[in-house]
C-alpha atoms as a PDB file:
ATOM      1  CA  MET A   1       8.432  18.424 -14.301  1.00  0.00           C
ATOM      2  CA  ARG A   2      11.232  19.641 -16.570  1.00  0.00           C
ATOM      3  CA  TYR A   3      14.820  18.983 -15.550  1.00  0.00           C
ATOM      4  CA  PRO A   4      17.802  21.149 -16.639  1.00  0.00           C
ATOM      5  CA  ASP A   5      19.081  18.566 -19.122  1.00  0.00           C
ATOM      6  CA  GLY A   6      15.775  18.651 -21.027  1.00  0.00           C
ATOM      7  CA  PHE A   7      14.490  15.393 -19.551  1.00  0.00           C
ATOM      8  CA  ASP A   8      10.757  15.739 -18.984  1.00  0.00           C
ATOM      9  CA  VAL A   9       8.576  13.683 -16.635  1.00  0.00           C
ATOM     10  CA  GLU A  10       4.930  13.529 -17.642  1.00  0.00           C
ATOM     11  CA  GLY A  11       2.154  11.027 -17.779  1.00  0.00           C
ATOM     12  CA  PRO A  12      -0.642   9.515 -15.773  1.00  0.00           C
ATOM     13  CA  VAL A  13      -0.274   8.658 -12.106  1.00  0.00           C
ATOM     14  CA  GLN A  14      -2.582   6.228 -10.352  1.00  0.00           C
ATOM     15  CA  ALA A  15      -3.031   5.416  -6.692  1.00  0.00           C
ATOM     16  CA  GLU A  16      -3.493   1.714  -6.019  1.00  0.00           C
ATOM     17  CA  VAL A  17      -5.229   1.474  -2.664  1.00  0.00           C
ATOM     18  CA  PHE A  18      -5.211  -1.640  -0.492  1.00  0.00           C
ATOM     19  CA  VAL A  19      -7.739  -1.191   2.321  1.00  0.00           C
ATOM     20  CA  VAL A  20      -6.703  -3.430   5.217  1.00  0.00           C
ATOM     21  CA  TRP A  21      -8.387  -4.190   8.519  1.00  0.00           C
ATOM     22  CA  LEU A  22      -7.799  -6.373  11.563  1.00  0.00           C
ATOM     23  CA  ALA A  23     -10.298  -9.255  11.590  1.00  0.00           C
ATOM     24  CA  GLY A  24      -9.707 -10.814  14.992  1.00  0.00           C
ATOM     25  CA  ASP A  25      -6.425 -12.692  14.674  1.00  0.00           C
ATOM     26  CA  HIS A  26      -5.621 -11.911  11.017  1.00  0.00           C
ATOM     27  CA  LEU A  27      -5.585  -9.105   8.439  1.00  0.00           C
ATOM     28  CA  GLU A  28      -8.055  -8.817   5.581  1.00  0.00           C
ATOM     29  CA  LEU A  29      -8.343  -6.811   2.375  1.00  0.00           C
ATOM     30  CA  THR A  30     -11.570  -4.943   1.684  1.00  0.00           C
ATOM     31  CA  GLY A  31     -12.815  -1.768   0.077  1.00  0.00           C
ATOM     32  CA  PRO A  32     -15.262  -0.523  -2.536  1.00  0.00           C
ATOM     33  CA  CYS A  33     -13.722  -3.035  -4.985  1.00  0.00           C
ATOM     34  CA  GLY A  34     -13.806  -5.816  -2.394  1.00  0.00           C
ATOM     35  CA  PRO A  35     -10.375  -7.356  -1.834  1.00  0.00           C
ATOM     36  CA  ALA A  36      -9.108  -6.115  -5.219  1.00  0.00           C
ATOM     37  CA  PRO A  37      -6.975  -2.964  -5.282  1.00  0.00           C
ATOM     38  CA  TRP A  38      -8.918   0.252  -5.607  1.00  0.00           C
ATOM     39  CA  LEU A  39      -7.474   2.340  -8.461  1.00  0.00           C
ATOM     40  CA  LEU A  40      -7.699   6.138  -8.368  1.00  0.00           C
ATOM     41  CA  GLN A  41      -6.509   8.461 -11.131  1.00  0.00           C
ATOM     42  CA  LEU A  42      -4.447  11.375  -9.794  1.00  0.00           C
ATOM     43  CA  GLY A  43      -4.304  14.769 -11.443  1.00  0.00           C
ATOM     44  CA  ALA A  44      -1.050  16.587 -12.168  1.00  0.00           C
ATOM     45  CA  GLU A  45      -1.558  18.945  -9.232  1.00  0.00           C
ATOM     46  CA  ASP A  46      -2.926  16.353  -6.768  1.00  0.00           C
ATOM     47  CA  HIS A  47      -1.003  15.352  -3.672  1.00  0.00           C
ATOM     48  CA  PRO A  48      -1.386  11.544  -3.658  1.00  0.00           C
ATOM     49  CA  VAL A  49      -1.662  11.063   0.121  1.00  0.00           C
ATOM     50  CA  GLU A  50      -4.224  13.850   0.444  1.00  0.00           C
ATOM     51  CA  VAL A  51      -6.342  12.483  -2.420  1.00  0.00           C
ATOM     52  CA  VAL A  52      -6.284   8.900  -1.107  1.00  0.00           C
ATOM     53  CA  THR A  53      -7.106  10.060   2.418  1.00  0.00           C
ATOM     54  CA  ARG A  54      -9.992  12.253   1.240  1.00  0.00           C
ATOM     55  CA  ILE A  55     -11.530   9.625  -1.034  1.00  0.00           C
ATOM     56  CA  VAL A  56     -11.234   6.847   1.566  1.00  0.00           C
ATOM     57  CA  ARG A  57     -12.817   9.180   4.135  1.00  0.00           C
ATOM     58  CA  ASP A  58     -15.671  10.051   1.744  1.00  0.00           C
ATOM     59  CA  VAL A  59     -16.400   6.506   0.521  1.00  0.00           C
ATOM     60  CA  VAL A  60     -15.380   4.168   3.370  1.00  0.00           C
ATOM     61  CA  GLY A  61     -14.936   6.297   6.490  1.00  0.00           C
ATOM     62  CA  GLU A  62     -12.108   7.832   8.492  1.00  0.00           C
ATOM     63  CA  PRO A  63      -8.848   5.909   7.904  1.00  0.00           C
ATOM     64  CA  LEU A  64      -6.579   5.128  10.837  1.00  0.00           C
ATOM     65  CA  LEU A  65      -3.461   5.286   8.667  1.00  0.00           C
ATOM     66  CA  VAL A  66      -2.662   6.050   5.014  1.00  0.00           C
ATOM     67  CA  HIS A  67       0.825   5.268   3.765  1.00  0.00           C
ATOM     68  CA  SER A  68       2.396   4.865   0.342  1.00  0.00           C
ATOM     69  CA  THR A  69       4.539   1.752   0.404  1.00  0.00           C
ATOM     70  CA  SER A  70       5.889   1.442  -3.137  1.00  0.00           C
ATOM     71  CA  TRP A  71       5.660   2.543  -6.749  1.00  0.00           C
ATOM     72  CA  ARG A  72       6.069   0.909 -10.126  1.00  0.00           C
ATOM     73  CA  ARG A  73       5.372   1.488 -13.781  1.00  0.00           C
ATOM     74  CA  ASP A  74       2.257  -0.434 -14.873  1.00  0.00           C
ATOM     75  CA  ARG A  75      -0.928   0.045 -16.928  1.00  0.00           C
ATOM     76  CA  ASP A  76       0.785   2.859 -18.890  1.00  0.00           C
ATOM     77  CA  ALA A  77       1.098   4.906 -15.696  1.00  0.00           C
ATOM     78  CA  VAL A  78       3.195   5.373 -12.605  1.00  0.00           C
ATOM     79  CA  VAL A  79       1.334   3.423  -9.925  1.00  0.00           C
ATOM     80  CA  LEU A  80       1.731   4.493  -6.288  1.00  0.00           C
ATOM     81  CA  SER A  81       0.688   1.706  -3.920  1.00  0.00           C
ATOM     82  CA  PHE A  82      -0.959   2.604  -0.620  1.00  0.00           C
ATOM     83  CA  VAL A  83      -1.834   0.571   2.444  1.00  0.00           C
ATOM     84  CA  VAL A  84      -4.830   2.149   4.145  1.00  0.00           C
ATOM     85  CA  VAL A  85      -5.678   0.864   7.614  1.00  0.00           C
ATOM     86  CA  ILE A  86      -9.303   1.114   8.680  1.00  0.00           C
ATOM     87  CA  ASP A  87     -11.243   0.165  11.781  1.00  0.00           C
ATOM     88  CA  GLY A  88     -13.145  -3.099  11.281  1.00  0.00           C
ATOM     89  CA  ARG A  89     -16.445  -1.357  12.039  1.00  0.00           C
ATOM     90  CA  LEU A  90     -16.147   0.417   8.658  1.00  0.00           C
ATOM     91  CA  VAL A  91     -16.124  -2.807   6.623  1.00  0.00           C
ATOM     92  CA  GLY A  92     -19.916  -3.136   6.699  1.00  0.00           C
ATOM     93  CA  SER A  93     -21.151  -4.947   3.581  1.00  0.00           C
ATOM     94  CA  MET A  94     -17.892  -4.564   1.618  1.00  0.00           C
ATOM     95  CA  GLU A  95     -16.522  -7.906   0.441  1.00  0.00           C
ATOM     96  CA  SER A  96     -13.423  -8.927   2.377  1.00  0.00           C
ATOM     97  CA  MET A  97     -10.749 -11.613   2.065  1.00  0.00           C
ATOM     98  CA  PRO A  98      -7.990 -12.828   4.420  1.00  0.00           C
ATOM     99  CA  ILE A  99      -4.470 -11.813   3.421  1.00  0.00           C
ATOM    100  CA  THR A 100      -2.124 -14.716   2.813  1.00  0.00           C
ATOM    101  CA  ARG A 101       1.655 -14.535   2.707  1.00  0.00           C
ATOM    102  CA  SER A 102       3.418 -14.235  -0.643  1.00  0.00           C
ATOM    103  CA  GLU A 103       6.969 -14.353  -1.935  1.00  0.00           C
ATOM    104  CA  LEU A 104       8.269 -10.899  -2.818  1.00  0.00           C
ATOM    105  CA  ALA A 105       8.739  -9.993  -6.460  1.00  0.00           C
ATOM    106  CA  ARG A 106      12.477  -9.948  -7.158  1.00  0.00           C
ATOM    107  CA  GLY A 107      14.280  -7.872  -9.742  1.00  0.00           C
ATOM    108  CA  GLU A 108      17.943  -7.185 -10.306  1.00  0.00           C
ATOM    109  CA  ALA A 109      20.276  -4.659  -8.714  1.00  0.00           C
ATOM    110  CA  THR A 110      19.362  -2.041 -11.326  1.00  0.00           C
ATOM    111  CA  ALA A 111      16.129  -3.411 -12.781  1.00  0.00           C
ATOM    112  CA  ALA A 112      12.624  -3.883 -11.431  1.00  0.00           C
ATOM    113  CA  PRO A 113      10.937  -7.285 -11.459  1.00  0.00           C
ATOM    114  CA  ARG A 114       9.440  -8.157 -14.830  1.00  0.00           C
ATOM    115  CA  GLU A 115       6.114  -9.129 -13.266  1.00  0.00           C
ATOM    116  CA  ILE A 116       4.563  -8.131  -9.950  1.00  0.00           C
ATOM    117  CA  ALA A 117       1.413  -9.830  -8.669  1.00  0.00           C
ATOM    118  CA  THR A 118      -1.078  -7.987  -6.471  1.00  0.00           C
ATOM    119  CA  SER A 119      -0.337 -10.394  -3.607  1.00  0.00           C
ATOM    120  CA  GLN A 120       3.346  -9.424  -3.845  1.00  0.00           C
ATOM    121  CA  VAL A 121       2.475  -5.721  -3.617  1.00  0.00           C
ATOM    122  CA  VAL A 122       0.434  -6.429  -0.483  1.00  0.00           C
ATOM    123  CA  GLU A 123       3.272  -8.509   1.000  1.00  0.00           C
ATOM    124  CA  HIS A 124       5.750  -5.698   0.327  1.00  0.00           C
ATOM    125  CA  GLY A 125       3.334  -3.138   1.768  1.00  0.00           C
ATOM    126  CA  LEU A 126       2.840  -5.084   4.985  1.00  0.00           C
ATOM    127  CA  ARG A 127       6.583  -5.609   5.388  1.00  0.00           C
ATOM    128  CA  HIS A 128       6.960  -1.860   4.945  1.00  0.00           C
ATOM    129  CA  MET A 129       4.259  -1.286   7.578  1.00  0.00           C
ATOM    130  CA  ALA A 130       6.045  -3.703   9.939  1.00  0.00           C
ATOM    131  CA  TRP A 131       9.211  -1.657   9.599  1.00  0.00           C
ATOM    132  CA  LEU A 132       7.308   1.585  10.201  1.00  0.00           C
ATOM    133  CA  ALA A 133       5.486   0.134  13.225  1.00  0.00           C
ATOM    134  CA  ALA A 134       8.876  -0.615  14.780  1.00  0.00           C
ATOM    135  CA  ASP A 135      10.649   2.565  13.651  1.00  0.00           C
ATOM    136  CA  ASP A 136       8.070   5.363  13.409  1.00  0.00           C
ATOM    137  CA  PRO A 137       6.362   6.413  16.658  1.00  0.00           C
ATOM    138  CA  VAL A 138       3.457   8.032  14.778  1.00  0.00           C
ATOM    139  CA  VAL A 139       2.651   4.813  12.912  1.00  0.00           C
ATOM    140  CA  ALA A 140       3.101   2.714  16.056  1.00  0.00           C
ATOM    141  CA  ALA A 141       0.718   4.997  17.965  1.00  0.00           C
ATOM    142  CA  GLU A 142      -1.994   4.851  15.271  1.00  0.00           C
ATOM    143  CA  LEU A 143      -2.025   1.081  14.806  1.00  0.00           C
ATOM    144  CA  PRO A 144      -4.251  -0.894  17.188  1.00  0.00           C
ATOM    145  CA  ALA A 145      -2.329  -3.324  19.425  1.00  0.00           C
ATOM    146  CA  GLY A 146      -3.375  -6.410  17.450  1.00  0.00           C
ATOM    147  CA  TRP A 147      -1.724  -4.953  14.363  1.00  0.00           C
ATOM    148  CA  ILE A 148       1.670  -4.732  16.053  1.00  0.00           C
ATOM    149  CA  VAL A 149       1.495  -8.432  16.970  1.00  0.00           C
ATOM    150  CA  LEU A 150       0.519  -9.500  13.428  1.00  0.00           C
ATOM    151  CA  LEU A 151       3.035  -7.236  11.704  1.00  0.00           C
ATOM    152  CA  ALA A 152       5.850  -8.759  13.781  1.00  0.00           C
ATOM    153  CA  GLY A 153       5.731 -11.715  11.364  1.00  0.00           C
ATOM    154  CA  TYR A 154       6.370  -9.416   8.383  1.00  0.00           C
ATOM    155  CA  VAL A 155      10.112  -9.048   8.725  1.00  0.00           C
ATOM    156  CA  PRO A 156      11.853  -6.838   6.168  1.00  0.00           C
ATOM    157  CA  GLU A 157      14.567  -8.736   4.319  1.00  0.00           C
ATOM    158  CA  PRO A 158      17.946  -7.404   3.257  1.00  0.00           C
ATOM    159  CA  PHE A 159      18.459  -6.884  -0.452  1.00  0.00           C
ATOM    160  CA  ARG A 160      19.369 -10.489  -1.315  1.00  0.00           C
ATOM    161  CA  ASN A 161      20.210  -9.854  -4.966  1.00  0.00           C
ATOM    162  CA  LEU A 162      23.465  -8.061  -4.148  1.00  0.00           C
ATOM    163  CA  GLY A 163      24.929 -10.657  -1.808  1.00  0.00           C
END
């Protein structure tokens, strides 16, 4: 994309996909890469949500919800993080791991955190999902009831670094 002042935005874009499912009374990470994030290269003309949805559908099965929860610069690319909710019946033989809570990565008022761990991306994503479950009727309608109960513990925090 070229802006009027000559600034140009180019470069690789990756989707970082966290496939999450409700395992009884807790959430777990799974997917073709097990509990590790699934990385997908996006083309210049690709719509990220459409690509993630299509590939999850083709490889794992029909997702219940696909939502981008954050972005960052990493691995020489812009990385768009997605939480993808699936029905537990789709897990099959994919390796899975319970999600544990994590402190959020903290930056400054005008600077991103210097380091961001995968667990912090998941924590941020689930806090984002908790907000959506409470605020967005489409998200609330798509999430199974057990999700709403578990997400209630993921309370979004105000931006502490400015106060």
